[in-house]
Amino acid sequence: MNIGILLIAVIGGIVGIASTLYLLFSFPAIIIWKIYRKITKGIPLTK
């Protein structure tokens, strides 16, 4: 197998895993942060 294609596949896989992990942790963190601000400061969830 060509080493160039293998390298591109590995880099693409790493980038895909990194973006999936980012979304996995960022969405719940933002939702929890907005609920916290709503309870403590009365800021609307849409702001």
C-alpha atoms as a PDB file:
ATOM      1  CA  MET A   1       0.000   0.000   0.000  1.00  0.00           C
ATOM      2  CA  ASN A   2       1.169   3.514  -0.751  1.00  0.00           C
ATOM      3  CA  ILE A   3       2.661   5.232   2.320  1.00  0.00           C
ATOM      4  CA  GLY A   4       1.150   8.610   1.293  1.00  0.00           C
ATOM      5  CA  ILE A   5      -2.404   7.279   1.219  1.00  0.00           C
ATOM      6  CA  LEU A   6      -1.876   5.490   4.518  1.00  0.00           C
ATOM      7  CA  LEU A   7      -0.566   8.691   6.108  1.00  0.00           C
ATOM      8  CA  ILE A   8      -3.553  10.701   4.847  1.00  0.00           C
ATOM      9  CA  ALA A   9      -5.950   8.044   6.186  1.00  0.00           C
ATOM     10  CA  VAL A  10      -4.318   8.074   9.634  1.00  0.00           C
ATOM     11  CA  ILE A  11      -4.325  11.886   9.828  1.00  0.00           C
ATOM     12  CA  GLY A  12      -7.962  11.981   8.696  1.00  0.00           C
ATOM     13  CA  GLY A  13      -8.904   9.424  11.334  1.00  0.00           C
ATOM     14  CA  ILE A  14      -7.176  11.395  14.081  1.00  0.00           C
ATOM     15  CA  VAL A  15      -8.913  14.621  13.004  1.00  0.00           C
ATOM     16  CA  GLY A  16     -12.283  12.838  12.948  1.00  0.00           C
ATOM     17  CA  ILE A  17     -11.794  11.412  16.433  1.00  0.00           C
ATOM     18  CA  ALA A  18     -10.662  14.807  17.776  1.00  0.00           C
ATOM     19  CA  SER A  19     -13.702  16.627  16.377  1.00  0.00           C
ATOM     20  CA  THR A  20     -16.058  13.962  17.712  1.00  0.00           C
ATOM     21  CA  LEU A  21     -14.539  14.207  21.198  1.00  0.00           C
ATOM     22  CA  TYR A  22     -14.788  18.009  21.086  1.00  0.00           C
ATOM     23  CA  LEU A  23     -18.507  17.856  20.267  1.00  0.00           C
ATOM     24  CA  LEU A  24     -19.081  15.118  22.843  1.00  0.00           C
ATOM     25  CA  PHE A  25     -17.785  17.344  25.655  1.00  0.00           C
ATOM     26  CA  SER A  26     -18.656  20.857  24.463  1.00  0.00           C
ATOM     27  CA  PHE A  27     -22.417  20.465  23.900  1.00  0.00           C
ATOM     28  CA  PRO A  28     -23.249  19.176  27.412  1.00  0.00           C
ATOM     29  CA  ALA A  29     -20.884  21.749  28.950  1.00  0.00           C
ATOM     30  CA  ILE A  30     -22.645  24.617  27.178  1.00  0.00           C
ATOM     31  CA  ILE A  31     -26.089  23.331  28.152  1.00  0.00           C
ATOM     32  CA  ILE A  32     -25.057  22.938  31.805  1.00  0.00           C
ATOM     33  CA  TRP A  33     -23.469  26.423  31.768  1.00  0.00           C
ATOM     34  CA  LYS A  34     -26.662  27.993  30.363  1.00  0.00           C
ATOM     35  CA  ILE A  35     -28.842  26.244  32.955  1.00  0.00           C
ATOM     36  CA  TYR A  36     -26.469  27.390  35.716  1.00  0.00           C
ATOM     37  CA  ARG A  37     -26.683  31.010  34.521  1.00  0.00           C
ATOM     38  CA  LYS A  38     -30.485  30.750  34.293  1.00  0.00           C
ATOM     39  CA  ILE A  39     -30.745  29.546  37.899  1.00  0.00           C
ATOM     40  CA  THR A  40     -28.150  31.845  39.489  1.00  0.00           C
ATOM     41  CA  LYS A  41     -28.461  35.073  37.471  1.00  0.00           C
ATOM     42  CA  GLY A  42     -31.819  34.809  35.720  1.00  0.00           C
ATOM     43  CA  ILE A  43     -30.260  35.134  32.243  1.00  0.00           C
ATOM     44  CA  PRO A  44     -32.489  33.628  29.516  1.00  0.00           C
ATOM     45  CA  LEU A  45     -31.265  30.367  27.948  1.00  0.00           C
ATOM     46  CA  THR A  46     -31.300  31.936  24.466  1.00  0.00           C
ATOM     47  CA  LYS A  47     -28.854  34.712  25.331  1.00  0.00           C
END
